[in-house]
Protein backbone atom coordinates (compact mmCIF):
# COMPACT_ATOMS: atom_id res chain seq x y z
CA UNK A 1 11.39 23.95 -26.67
CA UNK A 2 13.67 22.08 -24.74
CA UNK A 3 15.72 22.96 -21.54
CA UNK A 4 18.36 21.22 -19.21
CA UNK A 5 18.77 21.20 -15.64
CA UNK A 6 21.71 18.92 -14.12
CA UNK A 7 22.37 18.35 -10.58
CA UNK A 8 26.51 18.40 -10.76
CA UNK A 9 28.22 15.87 -8.75
CA UNK A 10 31.53 16.96 -9.30
CA UNK A 11 33.50 19.52 -11.82
CA UNK A 12 33.86 19.01 -15.35
CA UNK A 13 37.15 16.91 -15.55
CA UNK A 14 39.03 18.01 -19.17
CA UNK A 15 39.75 14.86 -21.64
CA UNK A 16 42.48 14.19 -23.36
CA UNK A 17 41.89 15.32 -27.36
CA UNK A 18 44.94 13.80 -29.31
CA UNK A 19 43.21 10.67 -30.43
CA UNK A 20 40.16 12.69 -31.14
CA UNK A 21 42.13 15.43 -33.06
CA UNK A 22 43.80 12.45 -34.51
CA UNK A 23 40.96 10.39 -35.89
CA UNK A 24 39.06 13.90 -36.65
CA UNK A 25 41.16 14.92 -39.14
CA UNK A 26 41.61 11.48 -40.81
CA UNK A 27 38.01 11.57 -41.75
CA UNK A 28 37.45 15.44 -42.15
CA UNK A 29 37.23 16.81 -46.00
CA UNK A 30 39.27 19.74 -45.39
CA UNK A 31 42.96 18.69 -43.87
CA UNK A 32 43.93 22.43 -42.63
CA UNK A 33 40.63 22.38 -40.28
CA UNK A 34 42.44 23.36 -37.00
CA UNK A 35 40.90 21.75 -34.19
CA UNK A 36 42.47 23.08 -31.47
CA UNK A 37 39.53 25.24 -30.34
CA UNK A 38 37.42 21.79 -29.36
CA UNK A 39 37.43 21.71 -25.99
CA UNK A 40 36.27 18.00 -24.27
CA UNK A 41 35.07 18.12 -20.29
CA UNK A 42 33.50 15.40 -18.29
CA UNK A 43 30.93 15.89 -15.54
CA UNK A 44 29.15 13.49 -13.28
CA UNK A 45 25.87 13.73 -12.24
CA UNK A 46 21.93 13.55 -12.84
CA UNK A 47 20.21 15.33 -16.36
CA UNK A 48 16.97 16.16 -16.25
CA UNK A 49 14.82 17.08 -19.48
CA UNK A 50 12.45 19.58 -19.55
CA UNK A 51 9.61 20.77 -22.47
CA UNK A 52 8.04 23.62 -22.90
CA UNK A 53 4.23 23.30 -22.30
CA UNK A 54 2.65 24.60 -25.45
CA UNK A 55 -0.69 27.40 -24.44
CA UNK A 56 -3.78 26.40 -26.19
CA UNK A 57 -3.71 29.86 -28.35
CA UNK A 58 -0.63 28.94 -29.86
CA UNK A 59 0.61 25.97 -32.39
CA UNK A 60 3.11 23.28 -30.56
CA UNK A 61 6.42 23.41 -32.20
CA UNK A 62 8.54 20.91 -30.64
CA UNK A 63 11.91 21.45 -32.22
CA UNK A 64 13.15 24.79 -31.74
CA UNK A 65 16.61 24.86 -33.29
CA UNK A 66 19.30 26.86 -31.11
CA UNK A 67 23.11 25.51 -31.76
CA UNK A 68 23.43 23.43 -28.05
CA UNK A 69 22.14 20.12 -28.99
CA UNK A 70 21.83 17.22 -26.11
CA UNK A 71 22.06 13.56 -27.32
CA UNK A 72 20.32 11.51 -24.65
CA UNK A 73 21.50 7.41 -23.50
CA UNK A 74 24.74 6.96 -25.85
CA UNK A 75 25.59 3.07 -24.95
CA UNK A 76 28.38 2.43 -23.28
CA UNK A 77 30.04 0.44 -25.55
CA UNK A 78 30.97 3.66 -27.63
CA UNK A 79 34.00 5.49 -25.50
CA UNK A 80 34.16 9.23 -26.17
CA UNK A 81 37.16 8.59 -28.84
CA UNK A 82 34.56 6.19 -30.70
CA UNK A 83 31.34 8.78 -30.42
CA UNK A 84 33.74 11.45 -31.95
CA UNK A 85 34.40 9.16 -34.50
CA UNK A 86 30.88 8.52 -34.73
CA UNK A 87 30.02 11.85 -35.32
CA UNK A 88 32.78 11.52 -38.30
CA UNK A 89 33.09 15.20 -39.84
CA UNK A 90 30.58 17.09 -38.09
CA UNK A 91 33.68 17.23 -35.12
CA UNK A 92 35.04 20.16 -37.05
CA UNK A 93 31.86 22.23 -35.45
CA UNK A 94 31.79 21.39 -32.55
CA UNK A 95 33.07 24.03 -29.65
CA UNK A 96 32.47 22.19 -26.93
CA UNK A 97 31.77 18.85 -25.69
CA UNK A 98 30.56 17.88 -22.16
CA UNK A 99 29.80 13.96 -21.49
CA UNK A 100 27.87 13.97 -18.94
CA UNK A 101 27.64 10.02 -16.78
CA UNK A 102 24.92 9.50 -14.28
CA UNK A 103 26.60 6.78 -11.78
CA UNK A 104 23.16 5.05 -11.58
CA UNK A 105 23.67 4.06 -15.41
CA UNK A 106 26.36 2.16 -16.35
CA UNK A 107 24.60 1.33 -19.93
CA UNK A 108 24.77 4.73 -21.43
CA UNK A 109 25.81 8.17 -20.42
CA UNK A 110 24.72 11.56 -22.34
CA UNK A 111 26.40 14.22 -24.64
CA UNK A 112 25.78 18.30 -24.88
CA UNK A 113 27.78 19.79 -27.40
CA UNK A 114 27.69 23.21 -28.89
CA UNK A 115 28.35 24.03 -32.02
CA UNK A 116 29.52 27.11 -34.32
CA UNK A 117 26.32 28.40 -36.02
CA UNK A 118 23.37 27.31 -36.37
CA UNK A 119 23.76 25.93 -40.35
CA UNK A 120 26.32 22.92 -38.81
CA UNK A 121 23.69 22.16 -35.82
CA UNK A 122 21.15 21.55 -38.33
CA UNK A 123 23.29 19.60 -40.36
CA UNK A 124 24.47 17.87 -37.06
CA UNK A 125 20.71 16.91 -36.28
CA UNK A 126 19.38 15.62 -39.92
CA UNK A 127 22.56 13.58 -39.82
CA UNK A 128 22.01 11.84 -36.94
CA UNK A 129 18.47 11.84 -35.14
CA UNK A 130 17.52 8.25 -35.70
CA UNK A 131 20.45 6.83 -36.68
CA UNK A 132 21.86 3.22 -35.18
CA UNK A 133 25.57 3.86 -33.26
CA UNK A 134 26.16 0.71 -34.89
CA UNK A 135 24.77 -1.01 -37.80
CA UNK A 136 24.65 -3.99 -35.62
CA UNK A 137 23.12 -2.75 -32.44
CA UNK A 138 19.67 -1.83 -32.05
CA UNK A 139 20.51 1.56 -29.55
CA UNK A 140 19.75 4.78 -31.96
CA UNK A 141 21.04 8.33 -31.70
CA UNK A 142 18.20 10.13 -30.20
CA UNK A 143 19.48 14.48 -30.65
CA UNK A 144 17.77 17.51 -29.21
CA UNK A 145 17.75 21.28 -29.28
CA UNK A 146 18.38 22.27 -26.51
CA UNK A 147 17.13 26.25 -24.93
CA UNK A 148 19.19 26.78 -22.23
CA UNK A 149 21.01 25.01 -19.74
CA UNK A 150 21.66 25.01 -16.17
CA UNK A 151 23.72 23.77 -13.55
CA UNK A 152 22.51 22.67 -10.31
CA UNK A 153 24.22 21.46 -6.68
CA UNK A 154 21.24 20.70 -5.07
CA UNK A 155 18.53 17.54 -6.47
CA UNK A 156 15.82 18.76 -5.64
CA UNK A 157 16.09 22.29 -7.54
CA UNK A 158 17.14 20.41 -10.48
CA UNK A 159 14.48 18.41 -10.76
CA UNK A 160 12.43 21.05 -10.18
CA UNK A 161 11.14 21.97 -13.53
CA UNK A 162 10.55 25.35 -14.74
CA UNK A 163 7.58 27.61 -15.28
CA UNK A 164 5.61 26.43 -17.97
CA UNK A 165 8.09 23.20 -18.47
CA UNK A 166 7.29 19.54 -18.07
CA UNK A 167 10.26 17.05 -17.36
CA UNK A 168 10.41 14.10 -20.04
CA UNK A 169 11.69 10.61 -19.51
CA UNK A 170 15.99 10.08 -20.20
CA UNK A 171 15.10 6.76 -20.75
CA UNK A 172 15.32 6.09 -24.93
CA UNK A 173 12.66 3.39 -25.04
CA UNK A 174 10.03 5.63 -22.89
CA UNK A 175 10.78 8.79 -25.32
CA UNK A 176 10.30 7.10 -28.44
CA UNK A 177 6.55 6.00 -27.20
CA UNK A 178 5.98 9.09 -26.60
CA UNK A 179 4.34 11.61 -29.68
CA UNK A 180 5.93 12.50 -32.14
CA UNK A 181 5.41 16.35 -30.98
CA UNK A 182 7.18 15.33 -27.91
CA UNK A 183 9.83 13.17 -29.05
CA UNK A 184 10.42 14.24 -32.62
CA UNK A 185 10.16 10.39 -33.95
CA UNK A 186 7.44 8.82 -34.80
CA UNK A 187 8.90 5.25 -34.75
CA UNK A 188 12.13 2.96 -35.21
CA UNK A 189 13.32 -0.28 -36.79
CA UNK A 190 12.64 -2.15 -33.69
CA UNK A 191 9.98 -0.40 -32.32
CA UNK A 192 11.84 -0.82 -28.91
CA UNK A 193 9.09 -3.64 -27.53
CA UNK A 194 10.04 -3.76 -23.71
CA UNK A 195 10.68 -8.06 -24.86
CA UNK A 196 13.25 -6.67 -26.92
CA UNK A 197 16.80 -7.61 -27.45
CA UNK A 198 17.87 -4.09 -27.04
CA UNK A 199 15.94 -3.84 -23.80
CA UNK A 200 16.47 -6.83 -22.48
CA UNK A 201 20.66 -6.40 -22.65
CA UNK A 202 20.27 -3.71 -19.69
CA UNK A 203 21.10 -3.80 -16.41
CA UNK A 204 19.23 -4.24 -13.70
CA UNK A 205 20.26 0.15 -13.30
CA UNK A 206 18.66 0.79 -16.21
CA UNK A 207 15.21 2.41 -16.09
CA UNK A 208 12.41 1.19 -13.88
CA UNK A 209 9.59 1.17 -16.48
CA UNK A 210 11.60 -0.54 -18.68
CA UNK A 211 12.58 -2.90 -15.51
CA UNK A 212 9.03 -3.01 -14.79
CA UNK A 213 7.55 -4.19 -18.12
CA UNK A 214 9.73 -7.06 -18.08
CA UNK A 215 9.72 -8.64 -14.85
CA UNK A 216 6.72 -11.07 -16.15
CA UNK A 217 6.70 -13.13 -13.44
CA UNK A 218 5.37 -10.47 -10.62
CA UNK A 219 2.89 -9.30 -10.35
CA UNK A 220 2.97 -5.26 -10.41
CA UNK A 221 0.43 -3.72 -7.48
CA UNK A 222 -0.47 -0.06 -6.69
CA UNK A 223 2.46 1.84 -4.25
CA UNK A 224 -0.20 3.69 -1.99
CA UNK A 225 -3.21 0.58 -2.18
CA UNK A 226 -1.82 -2.10 -3.19
CA UNK A 227 -4.58 -2.38 -6.29
CA UNK A 228 -3.87 -4.87 -9.05
CA UNK A 229 -6.26 -3.28 -11.31
CA UNK A 230 -5.84 -0.12 -13.72
CA UNK A 231 -1.79 0.65 -12.36
CA UNK A 232 0.23 3.60 -14.62
CA UNK A 233 3.70 3.94 -14.17
CA UNK A 234 5.19 7.09 -13.83
CA UNK A 235 7.71 7.50 -16.84
CA UNK A 236 9.77 9.77 -15.12
CA UNK A 237 10.52 8.27 -11.37
CA UNK A 238 8.99 5.01 -11.73
CA UNK A 239 6.25 5.13 -9.22
CA UNK A 240 3.18 2.81 -9.55
CA UNK A 241 -0.23 4.02 -8.69
CA UNK A 242 -3.81 3.18 -9.81
CA UNK A 243 -5.81 5.10 -11.87
CA UNK A 244 -8.56 7.09 -12.11
CA UNK A 245 -11.16 4.54 -12.01
CA UNK A 246 -9.70 2.99 -8.86
CA UNK A 247 -8.41 5.23 -5.89
CA UNK A 248 -7.07 8.03 -8.47
CA UNK A 249 -2.43 7.48 -6.80
CA UNK A 250 -1.05 8.17 -9.83
CA UNK A 251 -3.03 11.01 -10.63
CA UNK A 252 -2.22 12.30 -7.07
CA UNK A 253 1.46 11.48 -7.84
CA UNK A 254 0.92 14.09 -10.88
CA UNK A 255 -0.54 16.90 -8.51
CA UNK A 256 2.08 16.02 -5.85
CA UNK A 257 5.23 16.42 -7.75
CA UNK A 258 4.16 17.21 -11.65
CA UNK A 259 5.36 14.09 -13.64
CA UNK A 260 2.92 14.44 -16.48
CA UNK A 261 3.81 11.24 -18.57
CA UNK A 262 2.70 7.20 -17.06
CA UNK A 263 2.54 4.92 -18.65
CA UNK A 264 -0.67 2.30 -19.10
CA UNK A 265 0.06 -1.36 -18.16
CA UNK A 266 -2.34 -2.70 -19.64
CA UNK A 267 -2.64 -0.73 -23.06
CA UNK A 268 1.08 -0.03 -23.11
CA UNK A 269 -0.28 3.63 -24.45
CA UNK A 270 1.63 6.69 -22.64
CA UNK A 271 -0.93 9.18 -20.54
CA UNK A 272 -0.79 13.11 -20.63
CA UNK A 273 -2.14 14.79 -17.70
CA UNK A 274 -1.64 18.37 -19.10
CA UNK A 275 -3.15 17.32 -22.25
CA UNK A 276 -5.48 14.69 -21.08
CA UNK A 277 -4.80 12.68 -23.80
CA UNK A 278 -2.49 9.76 -25.01
CA UNK A 279 0.30 11.17 -26.39
CA UNK A 280 1.75 7.69 -27.66
CA UNK A 281 0.64 7.30 -31.26
CA UNK A 282 2.33 4.49 -33.87
CA UNK A 283 2.55 4.98 -37.75
CA UNK A 284 1.17 1.47 -39.31
CA UNK A 285 0.67 0.56 -43.20
CA UNK A 286 -2.92 1.21 -43.78
CA UNK A 287 -2.45 -2.22 -46.85
CA UNK A 288 -1.11 -4.91 -44.01
CA UNK A 289 -1.27 -2.63 -40.34
CA UNK A 290 2.55 -2.34 -39.97
CA UNK A 291 5.10 -0.50 -38.35
CA UNK A 292 6.29 1.86 -40.88
CA UNK A 293 9.65 3.72 -40.23
CA UNK A 294 9.58 7.54 -40.98
CA UNK A 295 12.54 9.66 -41.21
CA UNK A 296 13.20 12.43 -38.97
CA UNK A 297 12.46 16.33 -40.64
CA UNK A 298 14.38 18.27 -41.44
CA UNK A 299 13.80 21.62 -39.14
CA UNK A 300 15.85 24.15 -41.21
CA UNK A 301 14.11 26.91 -43.07
CA UNK A 302 14.36 29.19 -46.59
CA UNK A 303 16.44 26.34 -47.90
CA UNK A 304 19.22 26.74 -45.26
CA UNK A 305 20.23 22.91 -44.79
CA UNK A 306 22.49 21.77 -47.64
CA UNK A 307 23.60 18.35 -46.07
CA UNK A 308 20.18 15.97 -45.18
CA UNK A 309 18.74 16.18 -48.45
CA UNK A 310 14.98 16.72 -47.25
CA UNK A 311 12.93 18.05 -50.00
CA UNK A 312 10.13 19.86 -48.73
CA UNK A 313 7.94 20.29 -52.04
CA UNK A 314 7.81 16.53 -53.01
CA UNK A 315 6.65 16.27 -49.69
CA UNK A 316 4.39 19.27 -48.69
CA UNK A 317 0.86 17.82 -49.84
CA UNK A 318 1.76 14.53 -47.57
CA UNK A 319 2.39 16.46 -45.02
CA UNK A 320 -0.68 18.62 -45.28
CA UNK A 321 -2.69 15.87 -45.61
CA UNK A 322 -1.17 13.77 -42.21
CA UNK A 323 -1.66 17.42 -40.81
CA UNK A 324 -4.93 17.81 -41.42
CA UNK A 325 -5.81 13.86 -40.28
CA UNK A 326 -3.86 14.72 -37.33
CA UNK A 327 -5.63 17.54 -36.70
CA UNK A 328 -9.72 15.74 -37.64
CA UNK A 329 -7.72 13.13 -35.37
CA UNK A 330 -7.15 15.51 -32.21
CA UNK A 331 -10.51 16.79 -32.65
CA UNK A 332 -12.08 13.73 -31.95
CA UNK A 333 -10.55 12.76 -29.42
CA UNK A 334 -10.73 15.94 -27.57
CA UNK A 335 -14.74 15.36 -27.85
CA UNK A 336 -14.16 11.85 -26.76
CA UNK A 337 -12.40 12.62 -24.28
CA UNK A 338 -14.48 15.58 -23.19
CA UNK A 339 -17.48 13.41 -23.88
CA UNK A 340 -16.33 10.40 -21.38
CA UNK A 341 -14.94 13.60 -18.76
CA UNK A 342 -19.12 14.24 -18.87
CA UNK A 343 -19.99 10.95 -18.63
CA UNK A 344 -17.59 9.60 -15.78
CA UNK A 345 -18.39 12.58 -14.02
CA UNK A 346 -22.35 11.67 -14.45
CA UNK A 347 -21.93 8.08 -13.21
CA UNK A 348 -19.59 8.81 -10.46
CA UNK A 349 -22.58 11.86 -9.41
CA UNK A 350 -24.91 8.87 -9.64
CA UNK A 351 -23.21 6.98 -7.44
CA UNK A 352 -22.22 8.99 -5.02
CA UNK A 353 -25.95 9.52 -5.12
CA UNK A 354 -26.21 5.90 -4.64
CA UNK A 355 -24.05 5.66 -2.04
CA UNK A 356 -24.76 8.95 0.26
CA UNK A 357 -28.62 6.91 -0.44
CA UNK A 358 -27.46 3.34 0.86
CA UNK A 359 -25.30 4.75 3.78
CA UNK A 360 -28.22 7.22 4.88
CA UNK A 361 -30.76 3.35 4.30
CA UNK A 362 -28.32 1.56 6.64
CA UNK A 363 -28.23 4.45 8.85
CA UNK A 364 -31.81 5.05 10.00
CA UNK A 365 -32.11 0.96 9.90
CA UNK A 366 -29.13 1.03 12.04
CA UNK A 367 -30.64 3.48 14.48
CA UNK A 368 -33.77 1.49 14.39
CA UNK A 369 -32.50 -1.26 15.26
CA UNK A 370 -30.24 -0.03 17.97
CA UNK A 371 -33.44 1.95 19.99
CA UNK A 372 -35.84 -1.25 19.64
CA UNK A 373 -32.91 -3.02 21.28
CA UNK A 374 -32.48 -0.57 23.72
CA UNK A 375 -36.06 -1.31 24.77
CA UNK A 376 -35.89 -4.63 24.56
CA UNK A 377 -32.98 -4.59 26.75
CA UNK A 378 -34.70 -1.82 29.21
CA UNK A 379 -37.75 -3.64 29.71
CA UNK A 380 -35.90 -7.05 30.68
CA UNK A 381 -33.75 -4.96 32.57
CA UNK A 382 -37.17 -3.78 34.97
CA UNK A 383 -38.76 -7.19 34.98
CA UNK A 384 -35.42 -7.83 36.20
CA UNK A 385 -35.72 -6.13 38.43
CA UNK A 386 -39.09 -6.57 39.65
CA UNK A 387 -38.32 -10.10 39.72
CA UNK A 388 -34.99 -9.03 42.12
CA UNK A 389 -37.53 -7.18 44.04
CA UNK A 390 -39.84 -9.42 44.60
CA UNK A 391 -37.23 -12.33 45.57
CA UNK A 392 -35.80 -10.25 48.12
CA UNK A 393 -38.97 -10.09 50.09
CA UNK A 394 -39.11 -13.86 50.12
CA UNK A 395 -35.39 -13.83 51.42
CA UNK A 396 -36.72 -11.57 54.00
CA UNK A 397 -39.95 -13.77 54.57
CA UNK A 398 -38.10 -16.49 54.62
CA UNK A 399 -35.43 -15.56 57.01
CA UNK A 400 -38.05 -14.40 59.74
CA UNK A 401 -39.40 -17.77 59.32
CA UNK A 402 -36.00 -19.42 59.61
CA UNK A 403 -35.62 -18.05 62.67
CA UNK A 404 -38.64 -18.59 64.00
CA UNK A 405 -38.34 -22.01 63.67
CA UNK A 406 -34.63 -21.91 64.37
CA UNK A 407 -36.56 -20.81 67.71
CA UNK A 408 -39.68 -23.38 68.03
CA UNK A 409 -37.03 -26.26 67.58
CA UNK A 410 -34.40 -24.90 70.30
CA UNK A 411 -38.27 -24.91 72.87
CA UNK A 412 -38.13 -27.80 71.87
CA UNK A 413 -35.74 -29.93 72.09
CA UNK A 414 -35.13 -28.46 76.11
CA UNK A 415 -38.65 -29.88 75.99
CA UNK A 416 -37.56 -32.99 75.29
CA UNK A 417 -34.36 -33.14 77.15
CA UNK A 418 -36.43 -32.45 80.68
CA UNK A 419 -38.63 -35.48 79.60
CA UNK A 420 -36.54 -37.85 79.36
CA UNK A 421 -34.12 -36.45 82.24
CA UNK A 422 -37.80 -37.30 83.83
CA UNK A 423 -38.69 -40.44 82.60
CA UNK A 424 -35.18 -41.43 83.47
CA UNK A 425 -35.56 -40.28 86.90
CA UNK A 426 -39.28 -42.45 87.10
CA UNK A 427 -37.54 -45.55 85.25
CA UNK A 428 -34.81 -45.65 87.91
CA UNK A 429 -37.29 -45.19 90.73
CA UNK A 430 -38.99 -48.33 89.16
CA UNK A 431 -35.99 -50.15 89.04
CA UNK A 432 -35.56 -49.62 92.70
CA UNK A 433 -39.41 -50.28 93.65
CA UNK A 434 -38.76 -53.66 91.52
CA UNK A 435 -35.30 -54.64 93.57
CA UNK A 436 -37.11 -54.15 96.93
CA UNK A 437 -40.31 -56.06 96.16
CA UNK A 438 -37.71 -58.73 95.05
CA UNK A 439 -35.71 -58.41 98.13
CA UNK A 440 -39.31 -58.40 100.10
CA UNK A 441 -40.74 -61.32 98.13
CA UNK A 442 -37.39 -63.22 99.04
CA UNK A 443 -37.71 -62.63 102.54
CA UNK A 444 -40.91 -64.47 102.53
CA UNK A 445 -39.83 -67.21 100.76
CA UNK A 446 -37.00 -67.78 103.44
CA UNK A 447 -39.15 -67.25 106.40
CA UNK A 448 -41.65 -69.97 105.71
CA UNK A 449 -39.10 -72.37 105.08
CA UNK A 450 -37.63 -72.05 108.35
CA UNK A 451 -41.58 -72.04 110.21
CA UNK A 452 -41.58 -68.76 110.98
CA UNK A 453 -45.56 -67.67 110.33
CA UNK A 454 -44.37 -64.16 110.55
CA UNK A 455 -41.50 -62.38 111.88
CA UNK A 456 -42.83 -61.35 115.39
CA UNK A 457 -40.43 -62.44 118.41
CA UNK A 458 -37.95 -63.53 116.61
CA UNK A 459 -34.61 -62.26 114.86
CA UNK A 460 -33.56 -60.46 111.22
CA UNK A 461 -30.72 -61.36 109.68
CA UNK A 462 -28.47 -59.95 107.18
CA UNK A 463 -28.33 -60.52 103.86
CA UNK A 464 -25.65 -59.14 101.45
CA UNK A 465 -26.27 -56.47 99.16
CA UNK A 466 -24.53 -54.12 97.36
CA UNK A 467 -26.74 -51.47 96.89
CA UNK A 468 -25.80 -47.48 97.97
CA UNK A 469 -27.47 -45.95 100.60
CA UNK A 470 -30.36 -44.79 98.37
CA UNK A 471 -31.64 -48.62 98.56
CA UNK A 472 -30.74 -48.68 102.14
CA UNK A 473 -32.64 -46.59 102.81
CA UNK A 474 -35.16 -47.40 100.39
CA UNK A 475 -35.54 -50.59 102.45
CA UNK A 476 -35.43 -48.97 106.05
CA UNK A 477 -38.62 -47.64 104.08
CA UNK A 478 -39.20 -51.14 103.52
CA UNK A 479 -39.17 -52.45 107.34
CA UNK A 480 -41.00 -50.00 108.86
CA UNK A 481 -43.60 -51.33 106.25
CA UNK A 482 -43.21 -54.89 107.60
CA UNK A 483 -43.21 -53.93 111.22
């Protein structure tokens, strides 16, 4: 079951119906068909498509039939009138058509159609689901039965999934890569490879997932930790995160915003976090392994549908075989997933134990090394303290010795000064005595030359002298000795 929540930007605006009425009447098998009751309107907003999550005890019914259908991603080369021409004779069964346009997406728009009864809705679904809009183009019409439609002016309310529902991507390429139970489509002619021309011609305002897969020159990284390994991209908002074998940022994104589907960039497969399995399945031929196209099944019961020509009896055996094979494959995948999960938990516990043991051994080694280092440093500190004390004591002794030596040196200098002074005085006295002797000897020589034997009865001649008073005193002493 699918439900639709629309974040409205403005109010629905009516569209002119003259061209649509004329073109539809020309293709209608009954010219008398009255199309005056058909209501055409246009609304700008953002559509959020939600799918009901099947319970574990019930079988999923992916296409619950209603009289309201939703067509995602109608290419912009089809105007509203061209789309009505594409619908052809089925336009007579329309009661209301709403063209939903998103300003952020220029390459396509969506269409919400209300039909008059369930038979008309089944016929429209069987006729146009999986059909190309133009034979020369690759875009395909995708039709979904909608249980309910809600309008909200708040983006948060519109993007919040109801209880028991999960949001689906609005990009047709991402929708086609989901499982048949999710999208109702098994495979397409072009398989919408991310390098295909039907995707590469989109503008850069298109799907973020497709744009990321086209950027071959840039290596994507996790939006949280920046790792390059085991990356998954959210199909709803384009968030790139690492998987469960790295730092689990993709799983954290799922638990935070409830976006259940993500694309693994390495394997190009889609993982469902709710079902805990891959939902991406490709139908391949058993002979050559090539992709094959399977028409969408009619969901009408009790032979009500008369437009698609689907023969239930002719394909009953094939469908039964396919259901058995699918159930076996699902059981095997569930078993394999459970075993892988058990192995993952086991090895994660072993890794946790090894990590804790390594951390404890590292902590013990660090503590031991720190303790020994602290002991060595303490011993060195004590040794340096003792050396400092001994050096201080030696300094005190040396200071005392220095003071004593300075005192002795001063005393010695004073004694030397006194001895030098006494010597100078002695030398000066000796010089005076020598001078007096010279004078005496000179006087005796002169007396002898004059014929005087001694100085008695004679007169004493004065002798020129420039001596000081001390010298005169000494001459007086010498004279007294001669007398």
